[in-house]
PDB file of N, CA and C in Angstrom:
ATOM      1  N   MET A   1      -7.428 -40.937 -28.737  1.00  0.00           N
ATOM      2  CA  MET A   1      -6.850 -39.611 -28.678  1.00  0.00           C
ATOM      3  C   MET A   1      -7.181 -38.997 -27.321  1.00  0.00           C
ATOM      4  N   GLY A   2      -6.170 -38.551 -26.598  1.00  0.00           N
ATOM      5  CA  GLY A   2      -6.369 -37.960 -25.268  1.00  0.00           C
ATOM      6  C   GLY A   2      -6.896 -36.545 -25.363  1.00  0.00           C
ATOM      7  N   GLY A   3      -7.829 -36.236 -24.525  1.00  0.00           N
ATOM      8  CA  GLY A   3      -8.393 -34.890 -24.513  1.00  0.00           C
ATOM      9  C   GLY A   3      -7.910 -34.117 -23.301  1.00  0.00           C
ATOM     10  N   ARG A   4      -7.845 -32.838 -23.481  1.00  0.00           N
ATOM     11  CA  ARG A   4      -7.452 -31.971 -22.376  1.00  0.00           C
ATOM     12  C   ARG A   4      -8.653 -31.193 -21.905  1.00  0.00           C
ATOM     13  N   THR A   5      -8.737 -31.017 -20.633  1.00  0.00           N
ATOM     14  CA  THR A   5      -9.815 -30.204 -20.073  1.00  0.00           C
ATOM     15  C   THR A   5      -9.224 -28.861 -19.681  1.00  0.00           C
ATOM     16  N   VAL A   6      -9.850 -27.834 -20.162  1.00  0.00           N
ATOM     17  CA  VAL A   6      -9.398 -26.488 -19.815  1.00  0.00           C
ATOM     18  C   VAL A   6     -10.385 -25.941 -18.799  1.00  0.00           C
ATOM     19  N   GLU A   7      -9.844 -25.611 -17.636  1.00  0.00           N
ATOM     20  CA  GLU A   7     -10.687 -25.041 -16.595  1.00  0.00           C
ATOM     21  C   GLU A   7     -10.735 -23.535 -16.756  1.00  0.00           C
ATOM     22  N   GLU A   8     -11.920 -23.004 -16.742  1.00  0.00           N
ATOM     23  CA  GLU A   8     -12.060 -21.558 -16.784  1.00  0.00           C
ATOM     24  C   GLU A   8     -12.211 -21.056 -15.359  1.00  0.00           C
ATOM     25  N   VAL A   9     -11.414 -20.076 -15.016  1.00  0.00           N
ATOM     26  CA  VAL A   9     -11.478 -19.489 -13.688  1.00  0.00           C
ATOM     27  C   VAL A   9     -11.933 -18.050 -13.857  1.00  0.00           C
ATOM     28  N   LEU A  10     -13.044 -17.730 -13.227  1.00  0.00           N
ATOM     29  CA  LEU A  10     -13.577 -16.383 -13.313  1.00  0.00           C
ATOM     30  C   LEU A  10     -13.037 -15.572 -12.142  1.00  0.00           C
ATOM     31  N   VAL A  11     -12.302 -14.523 -12.456  1.00  0.00           N
ATOM     32  CA  VAL A  11     -11.786 -13.631 -11.423  1.00  0.00           C
ATOM     33  C   VAL A  11     -12.527 -12.314 -11.558  1.00  0.00           C
ATOM     34  N   VAL A  12     -13.193 -11.941 -10.507  1.00  0.00           N
ATOM     35  CA  VAL A  12     -13.937 -10.688 -10.503  1.00  0.00           C
ATOM     36  C   VAL A  12     -13.019  -9.603  -9.958  1.00  0.00           C
ATOM     37  N   VAL A  13     -12.878  -8.541 -10.719  1.00  0.00           N
ATOM     38  CA  VAL A  13     -12.039  -7.424 -10.285  1.00  0.00           C
ATOM     39  C   VAL A  13     -12.945  -6.268  -9.886  1.00  0.00           C
ATOM     40  N   GLU A  14     -12.775  -5.830  -8.658  1.00  0.00           N
ATOM     41  CA  GLU A  14     -13.537  -4.683  -8.160  1.00  0.00           C
ATOM     42  C   GLU A  14     -12.672  -3.437  -8.287  1.00  0.00           C
ATOM     43  N   GLU A  15     -13.217  -2.409  -8.934  1.00  0.00           N
ATOM     44  CA  GLU A  15     -12.534  -1.116  -8.999  1.00  0.00           C
ATOM     45  C   GLU A  15     -13.199  -0.197  -7.991  1.00  0.00           C
ATOM     46  N   ILE A  16     -12.392   0.443  -7.167  1.00  0.00           N
ATOM     47  CA  ILE A  16     -12.908   1.320  -6.124  1.00  0.00           C
ATOM     48  C   ILE A  16     -12.528   2.753  -6.481  1.00  0.00           C
ATOM     49  N   HIS A  17     -13.554   3.591  -6.601  1.00  0.00           N
ATOM     50  CA  HIS A  17     -13.361   4.975  -7.033  1.00  0.00           C
ATOM     51  C   HIS A  17     -13.768   5.948  -5.936  1.00  0.00           C
ATOM     52  N   ALA A  18     -13.185   7.151  -5.990  1.00  0.00           N
ATOM     53  CA  ALA A  18     -13.562   8.215  -5.056  1.00  0.00           C
ATOM     54  C   ALA A  18     -14.969   8.699  -5.394  1.00  0.00           C
ATOM     55  N   GLU A  19     -15.779   8.894  -4.374  1.00  0.00           N
ATOM     56  CA  GLU A  19     -17.150   9.348  -4.590  1.00  0.00           C
ATOM     57  C   GLU A  19     -17.284  10.866  -4.523  1.00  0.00           C
ATOM     58  N   MET A  20     -16.210  11.539  -4.079  1.00  0.00           N
ATOM     59  CA  MET A  20     -16.247  12.996  -3.971  1.00  0.00           C
ATOM     60  C   MET A  20     -14.823  13.535  -3.954  1.00  0.00           C
ATOM     61  N   VAL A  21     -14.691  14.834  -4.114  1.00  0.00           N
ATOM     62  CA  VAL A  21     -13.392  15.482  -3.978  1.00  0.00           C
ATOM     63  C   VAL A  21     -12.957  15.320  -2.532  1.00  0.00           C
ATOM     64  N   SER A  22     -11.749  14.817  -2.328  1.00  0.00           N
ATOM     65  CA  SER A  22     -11.276  14.534  -0.973  1.00  0.00           C
ATOM     66  C   SER A  22      -9.764  14.387  -0.983  1.00  0.00           C
ATOM     67  N   SER A  23      -9.194  14.292   0.211  1.00  0.00           N
ATOM     68  CA  SER A  23      -7.766  14.033   0.374  1.00  0.00           C
ATOM     69  C   SER A  23      -7.594  12.641   0.965  1.00  0.00           C
ATOM     70  N   VAL A  24      -6.521  11.979   0.584  1.00  0.00           N
ATOM     71  CA  VAL A  24      -6.212  10.672   1.163  1.00  0.00           C
ATOM     72  C   VAL A  24      -5.561  10.931   2.516  1.00  0.00           C
ATOM     73  N   TRP A  25      -6.272  10.579   3.589  1.00  0.00           N
ATOM     74  CA  TRP A  25      -5.757  10.824   4.930  1.00  0.00           C
ATOM     75  C   TRP A  25      -4.866   9.673   5.383  1.00  0.00           C
ATOM     76  N   LYS A  26      -5.317   8.429   5.169  1.00  0.00           N
ATOM     77  CA  LYS A  26      -4.540   7.281   5.625  1.00  0.00           C
ATOM     78  C   LYS A  26      -4.750   6.104   4.675  1.00  0.00           C
ATOM     79  N   VAL A  27      -3.643   5.429   4.316  1.00  0.00           N
ATOM     80  CA  VAL A  27      -3.689   4.216   3.501  1.00  0.00           C
ATOM     81  C   VAL A  27      -3.476   3.031   4.441  1.00  0.00           C
ATOM     82  N   LEU A  28      -4.418   2.075   4.432  1.00  0.00           N
ATOM     83  CA  LEU A  28      -4.372   0.962   5.380  1.00  0.00           C
ATOM     84  C   LEU A  28      -3.922  -0.360   4.752  1.00  0.00           C
ATOM     85  N   VAL A  29      -3.822  -0.431   3.428  1.00  0.00           N
ATOM     86  CA  VAL A  29      -3.439  -1.674   2.742  1.00  0.00           C
ATOM     87  C   VAL A  29      -2.348  -1.381   1.717  1.00  0.00           C
ATOM     88  N   GLN A  30      -1.723  -2.432   1.249  1.00  0.00           N
ATOM     89  CA  GLN A  30      -0.716  -2.345   0.194  1.00  0.00           C
ATOM     90  C   GLN A  30      -1.060  -3.369  -0.880  1.00  0.00           C
ATOM     91  N   PRO A  31      -0.523  -3.232  -2.093  1.00  0.00           N
ATOM     92  CA  PRO A  31      -0.735  -4.278  -3.090  1.00  0.00           C
ATOM     93  C   PRO A  31      -0.284  -5.627  -2.532  1.00  0.00           C
ATOM     94  N   GLY A  32      -1.108  -6.643  -2.751  1.00  0.00           N
ATOM     95  CA  GLY A  32      -0.818  -7.974  -2.227  1.00  0.00           C
ATOM     96  C   GLY A  32      -1.530  -8.276  -0.918  1.00  0.00           C
ATOM     97  N   SER A  33      -2.107  -7.247  -0.278  1.00  0.00           N
ATOM     98  CA  SER A  33      -2.829  -7.458   0.984  1.00  0.00           C
ATOM     99  C   SER A  33      -4.092  -8.272   0.722  1.00  0.00           C
ATOM    100  N   GLU A  34      -4.360  -9.241   1.613  1.00  0.00           N
ATOM    101  CA  GLU A  34      -5.612  -9.998   1.576  1.00  0.00           C
ATOM    102  C   GLU A  34      -6.658  -9.191   2.330  1.00  0.00           C
ATOM    103  N   VAL A  35      -7.853  -9.038   1.744  1.00  0.00           N
ATOM    104  CA  VAL A  35      -8.916  -8.279   2.387  1.00  0.00           C
ATOM    105  C   VAL A  35     -10.204  -9.092   2.400  1.00  0.00           C
ATOM    106  N   ALA A  36     -11.042  -8.805   3.384  1.00  0.00           N
ATOM    107  CA  ALA A  36     -12.369  -9.413   3.477  1.00  0.00           C
ATOM    108  C   ALA A  36     -13.391  -8.380   3.035  1.00  0.00           C
ATOM    109  N   ALA A  37     -14.546  -8.846   2.599  1.00  0.00           N
ATOM    110  CA  ALA A  37     -15.620  -7.923   2.229  1.00  0.00           C
ATOM    111  C   ALA A  37     -15.906  -7.002   3.406  1.00  0.00           C
ATOM    112  N   GLY A  38     -15.967  -5.705   3.138  1.00  0.00           N
ATOM    113  CA  GLY A  38     -16.240  -4.733   4.192  1.00  0.00           C
ATOM    114  C   GLY A  38     -15.006  -4.142   4.840  1.00  0.00           C
ATOM    115  N   ASP A  39     -13.802  -4.636   4.483  1.00  0.00           N
ATOM    116  CA  ASP A  39     -12.574  -4.069   5.049  1.00  0.00           C
ATOM    117  C   ASP A  39     -12.336  -2.652   4.528  1.00  0.00           C
ATOM    118  N   THR A  40     -11.755  -1.810   5.372  1.00  0.00           N
ATOM    119  CA  THR A  40     -11.392  -0.453   4.977  1.00  0.00           C
ATOM    120  C   THR A  40     -10.031  -0.484   4.292  1.00  0.00           C
ATOM    121  N   LEU A  41      -9.951   0.120   3.089  1.00  0.00           N
ATOM    122  CA  LEU A  41      -8.696   0.176   2.340  1.00  0.00           C
ATOM    123  C   LEU A  41      -7.953   1.468   2.619  1.00  0.00           C
ATOM    124  N   VAL A  42      -8.661   2.562   2.546  1.00  0.00           N
ATOM    125  CA  VAL A  42      -8.083   3.881   2.818  1.00  0.00           C
ATOM    126  C   VAL A  42      -9.117   4.711   3.562  1.00  0.00           C
ATOM    127  N   ILE A  43      -8.648   5.780   4.186  1.00  0.00           N
ATOM    128  CA  ILE A  43      -9.553   6.736   4.817  1.00  0.00           C
ATOM    129  C   ILE A  43      -9.333   8.076   4.127  1.00  0.00           C
ATOM    130  N   LEU A  44     -10.417   8.633   3.609  1.00  0.00           N
ATOM    131  CA  LEU A  44     -10.369   9.928   2.952  1.00  0.00           C
ATOM    132  C   LEU A  44     -10.815  10.998   3.926  1.00  0.00           C
ATOM    133  N   GLU A  45     -10.457  12.250   3.641  1.00  0.00           N
ATOM    134  CA  GLU A  45     -10.887  13.376   4.464  1.00  0.00           C
ATOM    135  C   GLU A  45     -11.497  14.400   3.527  1.00  0.00           C
ATOM    136  N   SER A  46     -12.687  14.847   3.884  1.00  0.00           N
ATOM    137  CA  SER A  46     -13.357  15.884   3.112  1.00  0.00           C
ATOM    138  C   SER A  46     -14.189  16.715   4.076  1.00  0.00           C
ATOM    139  N   MET A  47     -14.030  18.016   4.026  1.00  0.00           N
ATOM    140  CA  MET A  47     -14.775  18.938   4.890  1.00  0.00           C
ATOM    141  C   MET A  47     -14.678  18.533   6.359  1.00  0.00           C
ATOM    142  N   LYS A  48     -13.478  18.151   6.771  1.00  0.00           N
ATOM    143  CA  LYS A  48     -13.162  17.771   8.156  1.00  0.00           C
ATOM    144  C   LYS A  48     -13.861  16.491   8.614  1.00  0.00           C
ATOM    145  N   MET A  49     -14.348  15.699   7.660  1.00  0.00           N
ATOM    146  CA  MET A  49     -14.952  14.408   7.983  1.00  0.00           C
ATOM    147  C   MET A  49     -14.041  13.301   7.463  1.00  0.00           C
ATOM    148  N   GLU A  50     -13.924  12.223   8.241  1.00  0.00           N
ATOM    149  CA  GLU A  50     -13.173  11.051   7.808  1.00  0.00           C
ATOM    150  C   GLU A  50     -14.142  10.091   7.119  1.00  0.00           C
ATOM    151  N   ILE A  51     -13.765   9.635   5.926  1.00  0.00           N
ATOM    152  CA  ILE A  51     -14.637   8.773   5.132  1.00  0.00           C
ATOM    153  C   ILE A  51     -13.901   7.475   4.825  1.00  0.00           C
ATOM    154  N   PRO A  52     -14.287   6.360   5.461  1.00  0.00           N
ATOM    155  CA  PRO A  52     -13.639   5.087   5.154  1.00  0.00           C
ATOM    156  C   PRO A  52     -14.069   4.594   3.767  1.00  0.00           C
ATOM    157  N   VAL A  53     -13.106   4.059   3.023  1.00  0.00           N
ATOM    158  CA  VAL A  53     -13.378   3.478   1.707  1.00  0.00           C
ATOM    159  C   VAL A  53     -13.254   1.973   1.862  1.00  0.00           C
ATOM    160  N   LEU A  54     -14.365   1.264   1.631  1.00  0.00           N
ATOM    161  CA  LEU A  54     -14.446  -0.172   1.881  1.00  0.00           C
ATOM    162  C   LEU A  54     -14.433  -0.964   0.583  1.00  0.00           C
ATOM    163  N   THR A  55     -13.978  -2.208   0.682  1.00  0.00           N
ATOM    164  CA  THR A  55     -14.108  -3.131  -0.431  1.00  0.00           C
ATOM    165  C   THR A  55     -15.401  -3.914  -0.241  1.00  0.00           C
ATOM    166  N   GLU A  56     -16.068  -4.222  -1.345  1.00  0.00           N
ATOM    167  CA  GLU A  56     -17.319  -4.972  -1.269  1.00  0.00           C
ATOM    168  C   GLU A  56     -17.095  -6.472  -1.391  1.00  0.00           C
ATOM    169  N   GLN A  57     -15.877  -6.890  -1.766  1.00  0.00           N
ATOM    170  CA  GLN A  57     -15.617  -8.317  -1.954  1.00  0.00           C
ATOM    171  C   GLN A  57     -14.319  -8.711  -1.268  1.00  0.00           C
ATOM    172  N   ALA A  58     -14.243  -9.979  -0.903  1.00  0.00           N
ATOM    173  CA  ALA A  58     -12.998 -10.519  -0.359  1.00  0.00           C
ATOM    174  C   ALA A  58     -12.043 -10.773  -1.520  1.00  0.00           C
ATOM    175  N   GLY A  59     -10.766 -10.652  -1.265  1.00  0.00           N
ATOM    176  CA  GLY A  59      -9.780 -10.914  -2.308  1.00  0.00           C
ATOM    177  C   GLY A  59      -8.424 -10.347  -1.964  1.00  0.00           C
ATOM    178  N   THR A  60      -7.674 -10.028  -3.001  1.00  0.00           N
ATOM    179  CA  THR A  60      -6.321  -9.493  -2.872  1.00  0.00           C
ATOM    180  C   THR A  60      -6.257  -8.125  -3.530  1.00  0.00           C
ATOM    181  N   VAL A  61      -5.659  -7.164  -2.837  1.00  0.00           N
ATOM    182  CA  VAL A  61      -5.469  -5.843  -3.423  1.00  0.00           C
ATOM    183  C   VAL A  61      -4.464  -5.995  -4.568  1.00  0.00           C
ATOM    184  N   ARG A  62      -4.930  -5.750  -5.786  1.00  0.00           N
ATOM    185  CA  ARG A  62      -4.046  -5.878  -6.950  1.00  0.00           C
ATOM    186  C   ARG A  62      -3.207  -4.608  -7.124  1.00  0.00           C
ATOM    187  N   GLU A  63      -3.896  -3.465  -7.139  1.00  0.00           N
ATOM    188  CA  GLU A  63      -3.200  -2.195  -7.334  1.00  0.00           C
ATOM    189  C   GLU A  63      -3.767  -1.158  -6.377  1.00  0.00           C
ATOM    190  N   LEU A  64      -2.905  -0.290  -5.919  1.00  0.00           N
ATOM    191  CA  LEU A  64      -3.292   0.841  -5.092  1.00  0.00           C
ATOM    192  C   LEU A  64      -2.846   2.083  -5.851  1.00  0.00           C
ATOM    193  N   HIS A  65      -3.766   2.977  -6.126  1.00  0.00           N
ATOM    194  CA  HIS A  65      -3.487   4.115  -7.003  1.00  0.00           C
ATOM    195  C   HIS A  65      -3.366   5.439  -6.266  1.00  0.00           C
ATOM    196  N   VAL A  66      -3.289   5.408  -4.942  1.00  0.00           N
ATOM    197  CA  VAL A  66      -3.238   6.651  -4.164  1.00  0.00           C
ATOM    198  C   VAL A  66      -2.116   6.594  -3.135  1.00  0.00           C
ATOM    199  N   VAL A  67      -1.711   7.769  -2.672  1.00  0.00           N
ATOM    200  CA  VAL A  67      -0.747   7.883  -1.574  1.00  0.00           C
ATOM    201  C   VAL A  67      -1.312   8.885  -0.563  1.00  0.00           C
ATOM    202  N   GLU A  68      -0.878   8.776   0.666  1.00  0.00           N
ATOM    203  CA  GLU A  68      -1.349   9.689   1.709  1.00  0.00           C
ATOM    204  C   GLU A  68      -1.032  11.131   1.328  1.00  0.00           C
ATOM    205  N   GLY A  69      -2.000  12.004   1.530  1.00  0.00           N
ATOM    206  CA  GLY A  69      -1.840  13.420   1.225  1.00  0.00           C
ATOM    207  C   GLY A  69      -2.312  13.806  -0.171  1.00  0.00           C
ATOM    208  N   GLU A  70      -2.560  12.832  -1.023  1.00  0.00           N
ATOM    209  CA  GLU A  70      -2.986  13.105  -2.396  1.00  0.00           C
ATOM    210  C   GLU A  70      -4.420  13.634  -2.408  1.00  0.00           C
ATOM    211  N   VAL A  71      -4.690  14.595  -3.284  1.00  0.00           N
ATOM    212  CA  VAL A  71      -6.045  15.127  -3.460  1.00  0.00           C
ATOM    213  C   VAL A  71      -6.698  14.375  -4.613  1.00  0.00           C
ATOM    214  N   LEU A  72      -7.896  13.846  -4.350  1.00  0.00           N
ATOM    215  CA  LEU A  72      -8.629  13.084  -5.351  1.00  0.00           C
ATOM    216  C   LEU A  72      -9.816  13.880  -5.864  1.00  0.00           C
ATOM    217  N   GLN A  73     -10.145  13.642  -7.109  1.00  0.00           N
ATOM    218  CA  GLN A  73     -11.349  14.192  -7.704  1.00  0.00           C
ATOM    219  C   GLN A  73     -12.402  13.088  -7.740  1.00  0.00           C
ATOM    220  N   GLU A  74     -13.661  13.476  -7.808  1.00  0.00           N
ATOM    221  CA  GLU A  74     -14.737  12.487  -7.908  1.00  0.00           C
ATOM    222  C   GLU A  74     -14.479  11.560  -9.098  1.00  0.00           C
ATOM    223  N   GLY A  75     -14.544  10.261  -8.851  1.00  0.00           N
ATOM    224  CA  GLY A  75     -14.342   9.266  -9.904  1.00  0.00           C
ATOM    225  C   GLY A  75     -12.928   8.748 -10.036  1.00  0.00           C
ATOM    226  N   ASP A  76     -11.947   9.363  -9.343  1.00  0.00           N
ATOM    227  CA  ASP A  76     -10.570   8.880  -9.418  1.00  0.00           C
ATOM    228  C   ASP A  76     -10.486   7.447  -8.892  1.00  0.00           C
ATOM    229  N   LEU A  77      -9.661   6.623  -9.543  1.00  0.00           N
ATOM    230  CA  LEU A  77      -9.468   5.236  -9.128  1.00  0.00           C
ATOM    231  C   LEU A  77      -8.595   5.191  -7.879  1.00  0.00           C
ATOM    232  N   ILE A  78      -9.077   4.495  -6.851  1.00  0.00           N
ATOM    233  CA  ILE A  78      -8.339   4.352  -5.601  1.00  0.00           C
ATOM    234  C   ILE A  78      -7.582   3.038  -5.578  1.00  0.00           C
ATOM    235  N   ALA A  79      -8.284   1.922  -5.886  1.00  0.00           N
ATOM    236  CA  ALA A  79      -7.669   0.605  -5.813  1.00  0.00           C
ATOM    237  C   ALA A  79      -8.450  -0.384  -6.659  1.00  0.00           C
ATOM    238  N   THR A  80      -7.779  -1.509  -6.960  1.00  0.00           N
ATOM    239  CA  THR A  80      -8.468  -2.643  -7.576  1.00  0.00           C
ATOM    240  C   THR A  80      -8.233  -3.852  -6.686  1.00  0.00           C
ATOM    241  N   VAL A  81      -9.295  -4.680  -6.556  1.00  0.00           N
ATOM    242  CA  VAL A  81      -9.238  -5.878  -5.724  1.00  0.00           C
ATOM    243  C   VAL A  81      -9.657  -7.058  -6.580  1.00  0.00           C
ATOM    244  N   ASP A  82      -8.810  -8.109  -6.617  1.00  0.00           N
ATOM    245  CA  ASP A  82      -9.144  -9.355  -7.319  1.00  0.00           C
ATOM    246  C   ASP A  82      -9.912 -10.238  -6.360  1.00  0.00           C
ATOM    247  N   GLY A  83     -11.058 -10.732  -6.813  1.00  0.00           N
ATOM    248  CA  GLY A  83     -11.889 -11.608  -5.974  1.00  0.00           C
ATOM    249  C   GLY A  83     -11.546 -13.051  -6.174  1.00  0.00           C
TER     250      GLY A  83
END
């Protein structure tokens, strides 16, 4: 009797959230973009300061949940990255 081997592939999904109330100043990636650990995904603006939002893992941007000019609240989801 022939046996089948099922390979399990672990995909780590990183969720990136806003750390403070801010505005989306610039979006630098789109869904499907390949990113390296430490790449900037978006730049937020708060109290006249620019705050880069980085990914901690290499992978592909699965979803982008913000648009330029949007006001974010602390904890709002910005993007998800598949590792």
